[in-house]
C-alpha atoms as a PDB file:
ATOM      1  CA  MET A   1      45.943 -89.749   7.266  1.00  0.00           C
ATOM      2  CA  THR A   2      43.494 -90.320  10.145  1.00  0.00           C
ATOM      3  CA  PRO A   3      39.882 -89.989   9.100  1.00  0.00           C
ATOM      4  CA  ILE A   4      38.259 -86.875  10.698  1.00  0.00           C
ATOM      5  CA  ALA A   5      35.465 -88.996  12.212  1.00  0.00           C
ATOM      6  CA  GLU A   6      38.024 -91.083  14.091  1.00  0.00           C
ATOM      7  CA  VAL A   7      39.638 -87.889  15.289  1.00  0.00           C
ATOM      8  CA  PHE A   8      36.372 -86.596  16.781  1.00  0.00           C
ATOM      9  CA  ALA A   9      35.608 -90.014  18.356  1.00  0.00           C
ATOM     10  CA  ARG A  10      39.088 -90.163  19.890  1.00  0.00           C
ATOM     11  CA  GLU A  11      39.054 -86.614  21.186  1.00  0.00           C
ATOM     12  CA  ASP A  12      35.532 -86.931  22.643  1.00  0.00           C
ATOM     13  CA  GLU A  13      36.754 -89.675  24.980  1.00  0.00           C
ATOM     14  CA  ASN A  14      40.251 -87.954  25.666  1.00  0.00           C
ATOM     15  CA  SER A  15      40.841 -87.103  29.225  1.00  0.00           C
ATOM     16  CA  ASN A  16      44.688 -87.135  29.824  1.00  0.00           C
ATOM     17  CA  CYS A  17      46.437 -87.543  26.499  1.00  0.00           C
ATOM     18  CA  ILE A  18      47.892 -85.301  23.768  1.00  0.00           C
ATOM     19  CA  TYR A  19      47.247 -86.930  20.388  1.00  0.00           C
ATOM     20  CA  LEU A  20      49.438 -85.719  17.443  1.00  0.00           C
ATOM     21  CA  TYR A  21      48.461 -86.503  13.799  1.00  0.00           C
ATOM     22  CA  PRO A  22      50.983 -86.340  11.004  1.00  0.00           C
ATOM     23  CA  GLU A  23      50.044 -84.057   8.131  1.00  0.00           C
ATOM     24  CA  GLY A  24      52.814 -83.492   5.571  1.00  0.00           C
ATOM     25  CA  VAL A  25      55.735 -82.109   7.359  1.00  0.00           C
ATOM     26  CA  PHE A  26      53.706 -81.074  10.408  1.00  0.00           C
ATOM     27  CA  TYR A  27      52.075 -82.639  13.478  1.00  0.00           C
ATOM     28  CA  LYS A  28      48.655 -81.402  14.363  1.00  0.00           C
ATOM     29  CA  ALA A  29      46.719 -81.616  17.515  1.00  0.00           C
ATOM     30  CA  TYR A  30      42.932 -81.159  17.521  1.00  0.00           C
ATOM     31  CA  LEU A  31      40.239 -80.275  20.113  1.00  0.00           C
ATOM     32  CA  ARG A  32      41.081 -81.498  23.666  1.00  0.00           C
ATOM     33  CA  SER A  33      44.607 -82.377  22.540  1.00  0.00           C
ATOM     34  CA  ALA A  34      45.121 -78.920  21.243  1.00  0.00           C
ATOM     35  CA  PHE A  35      43.914 -77.439  24.495  1.00  0.00           C
ATOM     36  CA  LEU A  36      46.209 -79.700  26.573  1.00  0.00           C
ATOM     37  CA  PHE A  37      49.212 -78.967  24.240  1.00  0.00           C
ATOM     38  CA  ILE A  38      48.756 -75.249  24.683  1.00  0.00           C
ATOM     39  CA  ARG A  39      48.206 -75.596  28.465  1.00  0.00           C
ATOM     40  CA  ASP A  40      51.463 -77.453  28.854  1.00  0.00           C
ATOM     41  CA  PHE A  41      53.612 -75.709  26.249  1.00  0.00           C
ATOM     42  CA  GLY A  42      51.851 -72.431  25.199  1.00  0.00           C
ATOM     43  CA  ASN A  43      52.897 -70.101  22.389  1.00  0.00           C
ATOM     44  CA  PHE A  44      50.476 -71.543  19.801  1.00  0.00           C
ATOM     45  CA  LYS A  45      47.690 -69.963  18.005  1.00  0.00           C
ATOM     46  CA  PRO A  46      44.662 -72.300  17.557  1.00  0.00           C
ATOM     47  CA  ILE A  47      42.452 -72.116  14.476  1.00  0.00           C
ATOM     48  CA  LYS A  48      38.718 -72.842  14.757  1.00  0.00           C
ATOM     49  CA  LYS A  49      36.826 -73.921  11.656  1.00  0.00           C
ATOM     50  CA  GLN A  50      33.414 -75.332  10.697  1.00  0.00           C
ATOM     51  CA  LEU A  51      33.539 -78.714   8.954  1.00  0.00           C
ATOM     52  CA  ARG A  52      30.467 -79.145   6.761  1.00  0.00           C
ATOM     53  CA  SER A  53      31.017 -82.853   6.293  1.00  0.00           C
ATOM     54  CA  VAL A  54      30.368 -83.659   9.957  1.00  0.00           C
ATOM     55  CA  GLU A  55      28.531 -80.466  10.891  1.00  0.00           C
ATOM     56  CA  ARG A  56      30.941 -79.716  13.796  1.00  0.00           C
ATOM     57  CA  GLU A  57      33.576 -77.102  14.694  1.00  0.00           C
ATOM     58  CA  LEU A  58      37.232 -78.248  14.774  1.00  0.00           C
ATOM     59  CA  VAL A  59      40.074 -76.485  16.736  1.00  0.00           C
ATOM     60  CA  SER A  60      43.646 -77.280  15.516  1.00  0.00           C
ATOM     61  CA  ILE A  61      47.212 -76.298  16.179  1.00  0.00           C
ATOM     62  CA  GLY A  62      50.358 -77.546  14.346  1.00  0.00           C
ATOM     63  CA  PHE A  63      54.175 -77.514  14.512  1.00  0.00           C
ATOM     64  CA  PRO A  64      56.991 -79.001  12.357  1.00  0.00           C
ATOM     65  CA  LYS A  65      57.797 -82.636  12.776  1.00  0.00           C
ATOM     66  CA  SER A  66      61.458 -81.713  13.182  1.00  0.00           C
ATOM     67  CA  THR A  67      60.735 -79.879  16.464  1.00  0.00           C
ATOM     68  CA  ILE A  68      58.891 -82.656  18.284  1.00  0.00           C
ATOM     69  CA  ASP A  69      62.001 -83.347  20.495  1.00  0.00           C
ATOM     70  CA  LYS A  70      61.429 -79.893  22.081  1.00  0.00           C
ATOM     71  CA  TYR A  71      58.212 -81.062  23.594  1.00  0.00           C
ATOM     72  CA  PHE A  72      58.361 -84.821  24.088  1.00  0.00           C
ATOM     73  CA  PRO A  73      61.222 -87.268  24.830  1.00  0.00           C
ATOM     74  CA  GLU A  74      61.153 -90.245  22.402  1.00  0.00           C
ATOM     75  CA  ASP A  75      60.260 -92.714  25.068  1.00  0.00           C
ATOM     76  CA  ALA A  76      57.160 -90.680  26.156  1.00  0.00           C
ATOM     77  CA  LEU A  77      55.437 -91.106  22.765  1.00  0.00           C
ATOM     78  CA  THR A  78      53.120 -94.099  21.779  1.00  0.00           C
ATOM     79  CA  ALA A  79      52.702 -94.792  18.008  1.00  0.00           C
ATOM     80  CA  TYR A  80      49.500 -95.901  16.395  1.00  0.00           C
ATOM     81  CA  ASN A  81      48.842 -97.796  13.080  1.00  0.00           C
ATOM     82  CA  ASP A  82      47.450 -94.533  11.443  1.00  0.00           C
ATOM     83  CA  GLY A  83      50.718 -92.721  12.230  1.00  0.00           C
ATOM     84  CA  ALA A  84      49.315 -90.814  15.108  1.00  0.00           C
ATOM     85  CA  LEU A  85      51.230 -90.284  18.255  1.00  0.00           C
ATOM     86  CA  SER A  86      50.135 -89.886  21.931  1.00  0.00           C
ATOM     87  CA  ALA A  87      51.770 -88.756  25.118  1.00  0.00           C
ATOM     88  CA  GLN A  88      50.354 -88.870  28.664  1.00  0.00           C
ATOM     89  CA  CYS A  89      49.741 -85.568  30.448  1.00  0.00           C
ATOM     90  CA  ALA A  90      47.877 -84.197  33.380  1.00  0.00           C
ATOM     91  CA  PRO A  91      44.096 -84.755  33.381  1.00  0.00           C
ATOM     92  CA  ILE A  92      41.958 -82.162  31.459  1.00  0.00           C
ATOM     93  CA  ASP A  93      39.715 -79.704  33.256  1.00  0.00           C
ATOM     94  CA  LEU A  94      36.607 -80.110  30.982  1.00  0.00           C
ATOM     95  CA  GLU A  95      34.857 -76.813  32.191  1.00  0.00           C
ATOM     96  CA  ALA A  96      38.104 -74.849  31.374  1.00  0.00           C
ATOM     97  CA  TYR A  97      38.306 -76.599  27.993  1.00  0.00           C
ATOM     98  CA  GLN A  98      34.738 -75.727  27.062  1.00  0.00           C
ATOM     99  CA  THR A  99      35.190 -72.136  28.110  1.00  0.00           C
ATOM    100  CA  TRP A 100      38.288 -71.952  25.924  1.00  0.00           C
ATOM    101  CA  PHE A 101      36.683 -73.637  23.030  1.00  0.00           C
ATOM    102  CA  ASP A 102      33.639 -71.360  23.099  1.00  0.00           C
ATOM    103  CA  SER A 103      35.895 -68.191  23.306  1.00  0.00           C
ATOM    104  CA  LEU A 104      37.840 -68.978  20.121  1.00  0.00           C
ATOM    105  CA  PRO A 105      36.712 -67.036  17.108  1.00  0.00           C
ATOM    106  CA  ARG A 106      35.796 -69.096  14.110  1.00  0.00           C
ATOM    107  CA  PHE A 107      38.049 -68.728  11.137  1.00  0.00           C
ATOM    108  CA  GLU A 108      36.154 -67.450   7.965  1.00  0.00           C
ATOM    109  CA  ARG A 109      37.998 -67.410   4.698  1.00  0.00           C
ATOM    110  CA  PRO A 110      37.636 -63.782   3.357  1.00  0.00           C
ATOM    111  CA  GLU A 111      36.078 -63.434  -0.017  1.00  0.00           C
ATOM    112  CA  PRO A 112      38.477 -61.828  -2.566  1.00  0.00           C
ATOM    113  CA  ALA A 113      37.662 -58.204  -3.346  1.00  0.00           C
ATOM    114  CA  ALA A 114      38.261 -58.950  -7.082  1.00  0.00           C
ATOM    115  CA  SER A 115      38.867 -61.846  -9.304  1.00  0.00           C
ATOM    116  CA  ILE A 116      39.709 -62.187 -13.023  1.00  0.00           C
ATOM    117  CA  VAL A 117      37.736 -64.861 -15.034  1.00  0.00           C
ATOM    118  CA  LYS A 118      38.908 -65.615 -18.524  1.00  0.00           C
ATOM    119  CA  THR A 119      36.392 -66.834 -20.984  1.00  0.00           C
ATOM    120  CA  GLY A 120      37.412 -67.198 -24.580  1.00  0.00           C
ATOM    121  CA  GLY A 121      39.060 -64.021 -25.731  1.00  0.00           C
ATOM    122  CA  ARG A 122      37.538 -61.862 -23.008  1.00  0.00           C
ATOM    123  CA  ASN A 123      38.735 -60.982 -19.484  1.00  0.00           C
ATOM    124  CA  GLN A 124      35.956 -60.334 -16.906  1.00  0.00           C
ATOM    125  CA  HIS A 125      36.941 -58.479 -13.808  1.00  0.00           C
ATOM    126  CA  LYS A 126      34.378 -59.026 -11.081  1.00  0.00           C
ATOM    127  CA  VAL A 127      34.301 -56.796  -7.896  1.00  0.00           C
ATOM    128  CA  THR A 128      31.919 -57.475  -5.094  1.00  0.00           C
ATOM    129  CA  ALA A 129      31.188 -54.455  -2.966  1.00  0.00           C
ATOM    130  CA  PRO A 130      28.830 -53.789   0.030  1.00  0.00           C
ATOM    131  CA  ILE A 131      25.643 -51.949  -0.661  1.00  0.00           C
ATOM    132  CA  ALA A 132      25.887 -48.230  -0.747  1.00  0.00           C
ATOM    133  CA  PRO A 133      24.926 -46.220   2.439  1.00  0.00           C
ATOM    134  CA  ASN A 134      21.397 -44.926   2.403  1.00  0.00           C
ATOM    135  CA  ALA A 135      20.575 -47.143  -0.638  1.00  0.00           C
ATOM    136  CA  SER A 136      19.229 -50.332   1.144  1.00  0.00           C
ATOM    137  CA  GLU A 137      15.649 -49.146   0.762  1.00  0.00           C
ATOM    138  CA  SER A 138      15.441 -50.080  -2.897  1.00  0.00           C
ATOM    139  CA  PRO A 139      17.701 -51.319  -5.685  1.00  0.00           C
ATOM    140  CA  SER A 140      16.990 -48.438  -7.806  1.00  0.00           C
ATOM    141  CA  ALA A 141      18.289 -46.045  -5.067  1.00  0.00           C
ATOM    142  CA  ALA A 142      21.689 -48.050  -5.144  1.00  0.00           C
ATOM    143  CA  LEU A 143      21.839 -47.894  -8.924  1.00  0.00           C
ATOM    144  CA  ARG A 144      21.722 -44.112  -8.742  1.00  0.00           C
ATOM    145  CA  GLN A 145      24.682 -43.855  -6.424  1.00  0.00           C
ATOM    146  CA  PRO A 146      28.078 -43.100  -8.010  1.00  0.00           C
ATOM    147  CA  LEU A 147      30.446 -46.138  -7.845  1.00  0.00           C
ATOM    148  CA  ARG A 148      32.872 -44.171  -5.776  1.00  0.00           C
ATOM    149  CA  LYS A 149      30.273 -43.914  -3.007  1.00  0.00           C
ATOM    150  CA  ILE A 150      29.455 -47.583  -3.102  1.00  0.00           C
ATOM    151  CA  ASP A 151      33.055 -48.729  -2.845  1.00  0.00           C
ATOM    152  CA  PRO A 152      36.212 -46.537  -3.027  1.00  0.00           C
ATOM    153  CA  GLN A 153      38.291 -49.578  -4.196  1.00  0.00           C
ATOM    154  CA  ILE A 154      36.387 -49.513  -7.522  1.00  0.00           C
ATOM    155  CA  ALA A 155      37.445 -46.040  -8.329  1.00  0.00           C
ATOM    156  CA  ARG A 156      41.049 -46.937  -7.812  1.00  0.00           C
ATOM    157  CA  PHE A 157      40.894 -50.082 -10.011  1.00  0.00           C
ATOM    158  CA  SER A 158      42.793 -50.040 -13.204  1.00  0.00           C
ATOM    159  CA  VAL A 159      43.367 -52.779 -15.886  1.00  0.00           C
ATOM    160  CA  ARG A 160      47.039 -52.991 -14.962  1.00  0.00           C
ATOM    161  CA  HIS A 161      45.834 -56.238 -13.309  1.00  0.00           C
ATOM    162  CA  LEU A 162      44.960 -57.511 -16.628  1.00  0.00           C
ATOM    163  CA  HIS A 163      48.440 -56.749 -17.998  1.00  0.00           C
ATOM    164  CA  ALA A 164      47.010 -54.345 -20.467  1.00  0.00           C
ATOM    165  CA  HIS A 165      47.423 -50.582 -20.993  1.00  0.00           C
ATOM    166  CA  PRO A 166      46.664 -48.549 -17.817  1.00  0.00           C
ATOM    167  CA  VAL A 167      43.276 -47.008 -18.225  1.00  0.00           C
ATOM    168  CA  ARG A 168      40.569 -46.201 -15.806  1.00  0.00           C
ATOM    169  CA  ALA A 169      38.141 -48.966 -16.042  1.00  0.00           C
ATOM    170  CA  PHE A 170      35.133 -47.450 -14.557  1.00  0.00           C
ATOM    171  CA  ARG A 171      35.100 -43.964 -16.170  1.00  0.00           C
ATOM    172  CA  GLY A 172      32.602 -43.818 -18.884  1.00  0.00           C
ATOM    173  CA  PHE A 173      31.950 -47.578 -19.092  1.00  0.00           C
ATOM    174  CA  PRO A 174      29.500 -48.560 -16.338  1.00  0.00           C
ATOM    175  CA  PRO A 175      29.665 -52.113 -15.344  1.00  0.00           C
ATOM    176  CA  LYS A 176      26.834 -54.525 -15.034  1.00  0.00           C
ATOM    177  CA  ARG A 177      25.426 -54.465 -11.519  1.00  0.00           C
ATOM    178  CA  THR A 178      23.863 -57.430  -9.777  1.00  0.00           C
ATOM    179  CA  ARG A 179      22.395 -57.372  -6.373  1.00  0.00           C
ATOM    180  CA  HIS A 180      22.711 -60.474  -4.101  1.00  0.00           C
ATOM    181  CA  ARG A 181      20.164 -61.574  -1.583  1.00  0.00           C
ATOM    182  CA  ASP A 182      22.502 -60.694   1.378  1.00  0.00           C
ATOM    183  CA  GLY A 183      22.542 -57.050   0.258  1.00  0.00           C
ATOM    184  CA  ARG A 184      25.889 -56.996  -1.575  1.00  0.00           C
ATOM    185  CA  TRP A 185      26.280 -55.613  -5.118  1.00  0.00           C
ATOM    186  CA  GLN A 186      28.546 -57.262  -7.748  1.00  0.00           C
ATOM    187  CA  PHE A 187      29.960 -55.190 -10.481  1.00  0.00           C
ATOM    188  CA  THR A 188      31.196 -56.930 -13.574  1.00  0.00           C
ATOM    189  CA  ILE A 189      33.008 -55.302 -16.634  1.00  0.00           C
ATOM    190  CA  THR A 190      34.160 -57.173 -19.713  1.00  0.00           C
ATOM    191  CA  CYS A 191      37.614 -55.995 -21.058  1.00  0.00           C
ATOM    192  CA  ARG A 192      38.809 -56.744 -24.548  1.00  0.00           C
ATOM    193  CA  SER A 193      42.521 -56.461 -24.933  1.00  0.00           C
ATOM    194  CA  SER A 194      44.625 -55.700 -28.019  1.00  0.00           C
ATOM    195  CA  LYS A 195      48.135 -54.629 -28.764  1.00  0.00           C
ATOM    196  CA  ARG A 196      47.063 -50.949 -29.316  1.00  0.00           C
ATOM    197  CA  ARG A 197      44.339 -50.350 -26.849  1.00  0.00           C
ATOM    198  CA  THR A 198      42.033 -51.784 -24.203  1.00  0.00           C
ATOM    199  CA  ILE A 199      38.240 -51.194 -24.356  1.00  0.00           C
ATOM    200  CA  CYS A 200      36.355 -51.591 -21.085  1.00  0.00           C
END
């Protein structure tokens, strides 16, 4: 696999080539190569991500290796020692590329609404919800809000997710509430499961 620093160095100098990098059963094109590939072949959705290791944004597209013949004849490809391939194409319009790059939304991995953490004999179900409306002035105001007003998803939650008896997890058993610096509230309940009943 080609080091990402080498990919950036190659793409920063790229003006008229499409570079393809093998990753598993796919070929991927990055940055200028991705732009040139979409310009010439279309029908691809680019993904833009922030790479913390190099503090730069990376745009990529991919397609199965088995379909490469649809885009390039075999004699049009040049192979490199790292497994990458390249094909000549029309020169890139750098101004159009920069406009395209800036217009792409950055992909952000969504935080899960809930996750189950098992510690010893206990199951902890954590739910992160946005702060309640009209409760941002003080934490105590949010604590007085009913849970249903803070996040309707909490009211619908049941411990079926824990493979236990279906009971309403937040009725009569208020969870621990923690406020994050960014204004979100985290609600945590600890469930003990047995064969006969579940206590939340």
